[in-house]
Amino acid sequence: MRSALKLAEKGLGSVEPNPAVGCVIVKAGQVIGKGYHKKFGGPHAEIHAIADCATLGVRPEGATMYVTLEPCCHFGKTGPCTQAIIDAKIAKVVVAVGDPSAHASGRGLDQLRQAGIEVEVGLCEQEARLLNAPFFKYISTGRCWVVLKWAQSIDGKLAYVDQSTEKRWITNELSRADAHRLRRRCGAVVVGINTVLADDPMLTPRPSKGKKPIRVVLDGSLRIPLKSRLLRTTKTSPVLVCTRKAAAEANAKHVERIRKRGAEVLVCDSPGETTDLHFLLDHLSSQGIQQVLVEGGPHVLASFLREGLADEICVYIAPKILGADGVAFIGEPMTDLMQGIALDHVQIKTFGDDTCMRGLLADPSIQQSPSVEHGAAVEV
């Protein structure tokens, strides 16, 4: 099952909004087939694994299949995996976790049992839930998963004060390539207007091929320049400018120009000078976006933390001390966070001399979500 989970990881960034799934088939103590869901709309992991058996010239009849998520039993972009498993005469299916989706919810497990196939559920369940945490949260609550990401020096600075060409990046190329893989996993990337004014970013994953997230700007006072690279590339990938009702009414012509450039303007009725983050996430969730990446500066990052809206944190740490040459994270925006924030399920990776730390903020739904072994329906 852990081999199947490793295979499933390969699909992250290509299968969303579907969950990442891996599958291993074993017969007579030998692995005879492997597969994973490679891209959205393509064959599922079970289909690839069954086909892989043919490459070894081994029939899967009587074998045991290990799969990280309940096999589908419905017709979607592909046919039902349960029927392919039945046709392959698999004797036993071991499933890490049930699929709580309305079209599944234990139905796939029931189909297999009715066909005389032995079914086990729950092996490595927590690992499987963590692998697809955004999917499980969205299906269970209808709300998107929020990842806060930033790069910093070891003295807690997020950027150089002087962002010249020579000093544009804190982290190395390997870390930045990994950050682009993280972008590709998400349905939306969020920054604040100060980041747009300072950096004029594109916010698209590189390399540019493949799916692209919606690029979202938090712009409470509607200051986004019409010549910004975001508004000049709306045909490349969508742009959403989130602003306040008062600013939109006071700058109606600017709103019209932004829309003419192909961007969407989302207006929220919020007091003060900032946009309503809850309103924005509700809107993105309603559009079917399961995962949101927040790449803003200190004020934006602190706002998501303060509102309790973050599910995951990803920090790239470079072995540099910037001192007065850097922009601090831990400053005024964080002073009203009265207690420390602890992370669970922390993962640490190295990219050259850089270190990446990822962890989840406490989310009981991942660990305590009920099993769908008995087919309990979950509505989105």
Protein backbone atom coordinates (compact mmCIF):
# COMPACT_ATOMS: atom_id res chain seq x y z
CA MET A 1 0.00 0.00 0.00
CA ARG A 2 2.86 2.39 0.73
CA SER A 3 4.21 1.66 -2.74
CA ALA A 4 0.78 2.56 -4.11
CA LEU A 5 0.83 5.81 -2.11
CA LYS A 6 4.25 6.66 -3.56
CA LEU A 7 2.91 6.05 -7.04
CA ALA A 8 -0.10 8.27 -6.31
CA GLU A 9 2.19 11.18 -5.43
CA LYS A 10 3.40 11.26 -9.02
CA GLY A 11 -0.03 12.47 -10.12
CA LEU A 12 -0.10 15.50 -7.83
CA GLY A 13 -0.26 18.63 -9.93
CA SER A 14 -1.76 16.86 -12.94
CA VAL A 15 -4.95 15.18 -11.72
CA GLU A 16 -6.64 17.95 -9.73
CA PRO A 17 -9.51 18.41 -9.02
CA ASN A 18 -9.52 14.60 -9.00
CA PRO A 19 -7.68 12.90 -6.14
CA ALA A 20 -4.25 11.36 -6.69
CA VAL A 21 -4.53 7.55 -6.71
CA GLY A 22 -1.99 4.75 -6.92
CA CYS A 23 -2.45 1.01 -7.44
CA VAL A 24 -0.29 -2.11 -7.07
CA ILE A 25 -1.32 -5.66 -8.07
CA VAL A 26 0.30 -8.66 -6.34
CA LYS A 27 0.11 -12.35 -7.27
CA ALA A 28 1.97 -15.24 -5.64
CA GLY A 29 3.98 -12.78 -3.59
CA GLN A 30 5.19 -10.85 -6.65
CA VAL A 31 4.21 -7.42 -7.94
CA ILE A 32 2.75 -7.96 -11.39
CA GLY A 33 1.29 -4.52 -12.12
CA LYS A 34 1.61 -0.89 -11.08
CA GLY A 35 -0.22 2.25 -12.05
CA TYR A 36 -1.30 5.72 -10.97
CA HIS A 37 -3.74 8.36 -12.15
CA LYS A 38 -1.50 10.44 -14.42
CA LYS A 39 -3.68 13.31 -15.56
CA PHE A 40 -7.18 14.66 -15.24
CA GLY A 41 -9.48 12.96 -17.72
CA GLY A 42 -7.07 10.06 -18.31
CA PRO A 43 -7.31 6.42 -17.23
CA HIS A 44 -7.42 5.80 -13.50
CA ALA A 45 -4.74 4.03 -11.48
CA GLU A 46 -6.50 0.65 -11.52
CA ILE A 47 -6.73 0.66 -15.32
CA HIS A 48 -3.01 1.44 -15.68
CA ALA A 49 -2.11 -1.30 -13.18
CA ILE A 50 -4.23 -3.93 -14.94
CA ALA A 51 -2.70 -2.95 -18.29
CA ASP A 52 0.77 -3.14 -16.74
CA CYS A 53 0.21 -6.82 -15.99
CA ALA A 54 0.10 -7.47 -19.72
CA THR A 55 3.59 -6.00 -20.16
CA LEU A 56 4.90 -8.80 -17.93
CA GLY A 57 2.73 -11.36 -19.64
CA VAL A 58 0.97 -12.21 -16.36
CA ARG A 59 -2.79 -12.55 -16.00
CA PRO A 60 -4.21 -10.68 -12.97
CA GLU A 61 -6.80 -13.41 -12.36
CA GLY A 62 -6.76 -14.38 -8.65
CA ALA A 63 -4.43 -11.51 -7.70
CA THR A 64 -4.72 -8.96 -4.89
CA MET A 65 -5.06 -5.29 -5.77
CA TYR A 66 -3.87 -2.54 -3.40
CA VAL A 67 -5.41 0.84 -4.23
CA THR A 68 -5.24 4.09 -2.27
CA LEU A 69 -8.87 5.16 -2.85
CA GLU A 70 -12.15 3.35 -3.35
CA PRO A 71 -12.44 2.37 -7.05
CA CYS A 72 -15.00 4.38 -8.98
CA CYS A 73 -18.22 2.73 -10.11
CA HIS A 74 -19.67 5.46 -12.31
CA PHE A 75 -19.24 6.66 -15.88
CA GLY A 76 -17.40 9.99 -15.95
CA LYS A 77 -14.55 10.97 -18.24
CA THR A 78 -13.61 7.29 -18.10
CA GLY A 79 -15.49 4.05 -17.51
CA PRO A 80 -15.99 2.52 -14.06
CA CYS A 81 -12.91 0.93 -12.54
CA THR A 82 -15.02 -1.57 -10.61
CA GLN A 83 -16.13 -3.25 -13.83
CA ALA A 84 -12.53 -3.45 -15.08
CA ILE A 85 -11.50 -5.08 -11.77
CA ILE A 86 -14.36 -7.58 -12.03
CA ASP A 87 -13.50 -8.35 -15.68
CA ALA A 88 -9.84 -8.89 -14.73
CA LYS A 89 -11.01 -11.49 -12.15
CA ILE A 90 -9.10 -9.88 -9.29
CA ALA A 91 -9.71 -11.99 -6.16
CA LYS A 92 -9.16 -9.36 -3.45
CA VAL A 93 -9.07 -5.58 -3.30
CA VAL A 94 -7.40 -3.75 -0.40
CA VAL A 95 -8.46 -0.09 -0.23
CA ALA A 96 -6.74 2.54 1.90
CA VAL A 97 -9.76 4.85 2.25
CA GLY A 98 -13.29 5.13 0.92
CA ASP A 99 -14.33 7.86 -1.49
CA PRO A 100 -16.90 10.19 0.18
CA SER A 101 -18.02 11.70 -3.15
CA ALA A 102 -21.76 11.56 -3.80
CA HIS A 103 -21.23 9.30 -6.84
CA ALA A 104 -19.14 6.84 -4.80
CA SER A 105 -19.72 6.76 -1.03
CA GLY A 106 -19.23 3.01 -0.67
CA ARG A 107 -21.00 2.00 -3.88
CA GLY A 108 -17.77 0.88 -5.51
CA LEU A 109 -16.97 -1.34 -2.53
CA ASP A 110 -20.47 -2.84 -2.62
CA GLN A 111 -20.18 -3.62 -6.34
CA LEU A 112 -16.94 -5.49 -5.81
CA ARG A 113 -18.37 -7.51 -2.92
CA GLN A 114 -21.49 -8.37 -4.90
CA ALA A 115 -19.21 -9.74 -7.62
CA GLY A 116 -17.63 -12.09 -5.08
CA ILE A 117 -14.42 -10.10 -4.62
CA GLU A 118 -13.02 -9.89 -1.08
CA VAL A 119 -12.66 -6.26 0.04
CA GLU A 120 -10.64 -4.74 2.89
CA VAL A 121 -10.71 -1.05 3.78
CA GLY A 122 -8.48 1.02 6.09
CA LEU A 123 -4.88 -0.01 5.41
CA CYS A 124 -2.72 3.16 5.65
CA GLU A 125 -5.93 5.20 5.85
CA GLN A 126 -4.38 8.25 7.51
CA GLU A 127 -1.58 8.43 4.95
CA ALA A 128 -4.16 8.23 2.15
CA ARG A 129 -6.25 11.01 3.71
CA LEU A 130 -3.21 13.24 4.11
CA LEU A 131 -2.16 12.64 0.51
CA ASN A 132 -5.50 13.99 -0.73
CA ALA A 133 -6.34 16.32 2.16
CA PRO A 134 -7.65 19.11 -0.14
CA PHE A 135 -9.97 16.66 -1.90
CA PHE A 136 -11.37 15.27 1.37
CA LYS A 137 -11.93 18.74 2.83
CA TYR A 138 -13.70 19.99 -0.27
CA ILE A 139 -15.95 16.93 -0.59
CA SER A 140 -16.81 16.97 3.13
CA THR A 141 -17.26 20.73 3.66
CA GLY A 142 -17.56 22.38 0.25
CA ARG A 143 -14.64 24.67 1.19
CA CYS A 144 -11.28 24.92 -0.56
CA TRP A 145 -7.97 23.99 1.03
CA VAL A 146 -5.67 26.99 1.65
CA VAL A 147 -1.87 26.75 1.47
CA LEU A 148 0.27 29.67 2.64
CA LYS A 149 3.66 29.70 0.93
CA TRP A 150 6.63 31.99 1.34
CA ALA A 151 10.41 32.04 1.06
CA GLN A 152 12.62 33.49 3.78
CA SER A 153 16.14 33.86 5.06
CA ILE A 154 17.18 32.19 8.32
CA ASP A 155 16.64 35.50 10.13
CA GLY A 156 13.00 35.58 9.02
CA LYS A 157 13.18 38.05 6.11
CA LEU A 158 10.82 37.49 3.17
CA ALA A 159 12.45 39.68 0.53
CA TYR A 160 15.30 42.03 -0.15
CA VAL A 161 14.59 45.71 0.44
CA ASP A 162 16.35 46.44 -2.86
CA GLN A 163 14.85 43.96 -5.31
CA SER A 164 17.34 44.52 -8.10
CA THR A 165 18.07 41.84 -10.68
CA GLU A 166 21.00 40.58 -8.62
CA LYS A 167 18.92 40.37 -5.44
CA ARG A 168 15.55 39.28 -6.76
CA TRP A 169 15.43 35.82 -5.21
CA ILE A 170 16.14 34.61 -1.68
CA THR A 171 15.99 30.91 -2.55
CA ASN A 172 17.81 28.92 -5.22
CA GLU A 173 16.52 27.60 -8.55
CA LEU A 174 15.68 24.16 -7.14
CA SER A 175 13.41 25.67 -4.49
CA ARG A 176 11.73 27.91 -7.04
CA ALA A 177 11.12 24.93 -9.35
CA ASP A 178 9.43 23.10 -6.47
CA ALA A 179 7.29 26.18 -5.75
CA HIS A 180 6.13 26.09 -9.37
CA ARG A 181 5.11 22.45 -8.93
CA LEU A 182 3.09 23.56 -5.91
CA ARG A 183 1.41 26.25 -8.03
CA ARG A 184 0.38 23.65 -10.57
CA ARG A 185 -1.41 21.62 -7.90
CA CYS A 186 -3.68 24.54 -7.03
CA GLY A 187 -6.74 25.94 -8.73
CA ALA A 188 -5.98 29.53 -7.70
CA VAL A 189 -2.95 31.60 -6.68
CA VAL A 190 -3.58 34.62 -4.46
CA VAL A 191 -1.40 37.70 -3.92
CA GLY A 192 -1.98 41.18 -2.56
CA ILE A 193 -1.88 44.36 -4.62
CA ASN A 194 1.44 45.38 -3.02
CA THR A 195 3.08 42.30 -4.55
CA VAL A 196 1.66 43.23 -7.95
CA LEU A 197 2.89 46.82 -7.68
CA ALA A 198 6.35 45.81 -6.45
CA ASP A 199 7.07 42.73 -8.60
CA ASP A 200 4.61 42.80 -11.53
CA PRO A 201 4.42 38.96 -11.36
CA MET A 202 2.87 36.55 -13.87
CA LEU A 203 1.86 33.98 -11.21
CA THR A 204 1.79 31.17 -13.77
CA PRO A 205 3.53 27.81 -13.18
CA ARG A 206 6.69 27.16 -15.14
CA PRO A 207 7.14 25.39 -17.44
CA SER A 208 4.01 26.95 -18.87
CA LYS A 209 2.46 23.80 -20.37
CA GLY A 210 -0.37 22.09 -18.52
CA LYS A 211 -3.22 23.49 -16.47
CA LYS A 212 -2.92 26.98 -15.07
CA PRO A 213 -4.48 28.32 -11.87
CA ILE A 214 -6.72 31.36 -11.65
CA ARG A 215 -4.57 34.33 -10.65
CA VAL A 216 -6.22 36.33 -7.87
CA VAL A 217 -5.30 39.83 -6.67
CA LEU A 218 -6.54 41.22 -3.35
CA ASP A 219 -6.98 44.86 -4.30
CA GLY A 220 -9.18 46.63 -1.76
CA SER A 221 -8.57 50.11 -3.20
CA LEU A 222 -8.51 49.01 -6.86
CA ARG A 223 -4.97 50.10 -7.68
CA ILE A 224 -3.98 47.38 -10.16
CA PRO A 225 -2.27 48.98 -13.19
CA LEU A 226 -3.83 48.31 -16.57
CA LYS A 227 -0.31 47.70 -17.92
CA SER A 228 0.46 45.00 -15.36
CA ARG A 229 1.55 41.66 -16.76
CA LEU A 230 -1.48 40.03 -15.16
CA LEU A 231 -3.94 42.18 -17.12
CA ARG A 232 -1.89 41.80 -20.29
CA THR A 233 -2.04 37.99 -20.13
CA THR A 234 -5.68 37.21 -19.29
CA LYS A 235 -5.88 35.01 -22.40
CA THR A 236 -3.04 32.89 -21.02
CA SER A 237 -4.86 32.11 -17.78
CA PRO A 238 -7.76 33.74 -15.91
CA VAL A 239 -7.34 36.76 -13.63
CA LEU A 240 -9.65 37.69 -10.77
CA VAL A 241 -9.39 41.07 -9.04
CA CYS A 242 -11.11 41.10 -5.66
CA THR A 243 -12.02 44.56 -4.39
CA ARG A 244 -14.40 46.40 -2.08
CA LYS A 245 -17.80 47.73 -3.13
CA ALA A 246 -16.85 51.30 -2.18
CA ALA A 247 -13.69 51.16 -4.33
CA ALA A 248 -15.56 49.65 -7.28
CA GLU A 249 -18.23 52.35 -7.15
CA ALA A 250 -15.65 55.14 -6.85
CA ASN A 251 -13.61 53.74 -9.76
CA ALA A 252 -16.33 52.47 -12.09
CA LYS A 253 -14.35 53.37 -15.23
CA HIS A 254 -11.30 51.50 -13.97
CA VAL A 255 -13.48 48.45 -13.27
CA GLU A 256 -14.81 48.62 -16.83
CA ARG A 257 -11.27 48.82 -18.27
CA ILE A 258 -10.14 45.86 -16.18
CA ARG A 259 -13.05 43.79 -17.44
CA LYS A 260 -12.36 44.81 -21.03
CA ARG A 261 -8.91 43.30 -20.62
CA GLY A 262 -10.55 39.98 -19.85
CA ALA A 263 -10.24 39.92 -16.06
CA GLU A 264 -13.08 39.25 -13.65
CA VAL A 265 -13.76 41.82 -10.92
CA LEU A 266 -15.22 40.34 -7.74
CA VAL A 267 -16.82 42.97 -5.51
CA CYS A 268 -17.33 42.35 -1.81
CA ASP A 269 -19.18 44.57 0.63
CA SER A 270 -16.57 44.82 3.38
CA PRO A 271 -15.71 47.69 5.73
CA GLY A 272 -12.25 49.21 6.05
CA GLU A 273 -9.59 49.12 3.37
CA THR A 274 -9.23 45.35 2.93
CA THR A 275 -11.21 42.72 1.05
CA ASP A 276 -13.25 40.00 2.74
CA LEU A 277 -11.19 36.80 2.63
CA HIS A 278 -14.14 34.61 3.65
CA PHE A 279 -16.15 36.05 0.75
CA LEU A 280 -13.31 35.34 -1.67
CA LEU A 281 -12.86 31.73 -0.53
CA ASP A 282 -16.62 31.12 -0.69
CA HIS A 283 -16.57 32.38 -4.28
CA LEU A 284 -13.59 30.23 -5.29
CA SER A 285 -15.11 27.17 -3.61
CA SER A 286 -18.37 27.72 -5.48
CA GLN A 287 -16.38 27.62 -8.73
CA GLY A 288 -15.16 24.12 -7.92
CA ILE A 289 -11.66 25.17 -6.83
CA GLN A 290 -10.39 22.72 -4.22
CA GLN A 291 -6.97 24.18 -3.46
CA VAL A 292 -5.79 27.79 -3.13
CA LEU A 293 -2.16 28.90 -2.88
CA VAL A 294 -1.51 32.20 -1.09
CA GLU A 295 1.79 33.80 -2.11
CA GLY A 296 1.20 37.29 -0.75
CA GLY A 297 3.50 39.41 1.38
CA PRO A 298 3.47 39.68 5.20
CA HIS A 299 0.14 41.51 5.45
CA VAL A 300 -1.73 39.02 3.26
CA LEU A 301 -0.16 35.96 4.90
CA ALA A 302 -0.89 37.33 8.38
CA SER A 303 -4.48 38.09 7.41
CA PHE A 304 -5.15 34.46 6.44
CA LEU A 305 -3.54 33.27 9.67
CA ARG A 306 -5.45 35.78 11.76
CA GLU A 307 -8.76 34.71 10.23
CA GLY A 308 -7.98 31.03 10.79
CA LEU A 309 -8.31 30.29 7.06
CA ALA A 310 -5.02 28.47 6.42
CA ASP A 311 -4.88 24.67 6.26
CA GLU A 312 -1.25 24.19 5.29
CA ILE A 313 2.00 26.15 5.41
CA CYS A 314 4.96 25.74 3.06
CA VAL A 315 8.14 27.68 3.84
CA TYR A 316 11.36 27.70 1.82
CA ILE A 317 14.33 28.72 3.97
CA ALA A 318 17.60 29.90 2.43
CA PRO A 319 20.89 29.88 4.39
CA LYS A 320 21.18 33.66 4.30
CA ILE A 321 21.12 36.43 6.89
CA LEU A 322 19.68 39.58 5.37
CA GLY A 323 19.51 41.80 8.46
CA ALA A 324 18.51 45.36 7.58
CA ASP A 325 18.67 44.42 3.89
CA GLY A 326 15.48 42.33 4.20
CA VAL A 327 11.74 42.73 4.72
CA ALA A 328 10.63 41.04 7.94
CA PHE A 329 7.69 38.69 8.30
CA ILE A 330 7.39 38.74 12.07
CA GLY A 331 6.44 42.34 12.57
CA GLU A 332 3.41 44.52 13.01
CA PRO A 333 1.02 42.34 10.96
CA MET A 334 1.60 39.42 13.36
CA THR A 335 1.50 41.17 16.72
CA ASP A 336 -2.17 40.38 17.33
CA LEU A 337 -1.65 36.63 16.97
CA MET A 338 -1.76 35.97 20.68
CA GLN A 339 -0.34 32.46 20.69
CA GLY A 340 2.07 30.38 18.69
CA ILE A 341 0.85 28.32 15.75
CA ALA A 342 1.86 24.67 15.79
CA LEU A 343 2.05 22.48 12.69
CA ASP A 344 1.17 18.80 12.38
CA HIS A 345 2.50 16.17 9.96
CA VAL A 346 5.60 18.23 9.23
CA GLN A 347 7.69 17.27 6.20
CA ILE A 348 11.19 18.60 5.60
CA LYS A 349 12.98 18.44 2.25
CA THR A 350 16.21 19.97 1.01
CA PHE A 351 16.77 21.65 -2.34
CA GLY A 352 20.48 22.21 -2.63
CA ASP A 353 21.39 24.40 0.36
CA ASP A 354 17.76 25.43 0.89
CA THR A 355 15.33 23.72 3.25
CA CYS A 356 11.58 23.40 2.68
CA MET A 357 9.28 22.83 5.64
CA ARG A 358 5.64 21.89 5.10
CA GLY A 359 3.03 21.19 7.74
CA LEU A 360 -0.68 21.22 8.42
CA LEU A 361 -2.54 23.37 10.86
CA ALA A 362 -4.75 21.23 13.10
CA ASP A 363 -7.59 19.85 11.00
CA PRO A 364 -9.62 17.17 12.80
CA SER A 365 -11.62 16.39 9.65
CA ILE A 366 -8.58 14.73 8.06
CA GLN A 367 -8.00 12.33 10.93
CA GLN A 368 -11.53 11.90 12.24
CA SER A 369 -13.62 11.99 9.07
CA PRO A 370 -15.98 8.99 9.14
CA SER A 371 -15.29 6.06 6.86
CA VAL A 372 -17.65 5.46 3.95
CA GLU A 373 -17.25 1.71 4.36
CA HIS A 374 -20.99 1.40 4.87
CA GLY A 375 -21.96 3.75 2.09
CA ALA A 376 -22.94 6.86 4.07
CA ALA A 377 -23.65 9.63 1.57
CA VAL A 378 -21.72 12.89 1.76
CA GLU A 379 -23.24 15.90 0.04
CA VAL A 380 -21.05 18.64 -1.42
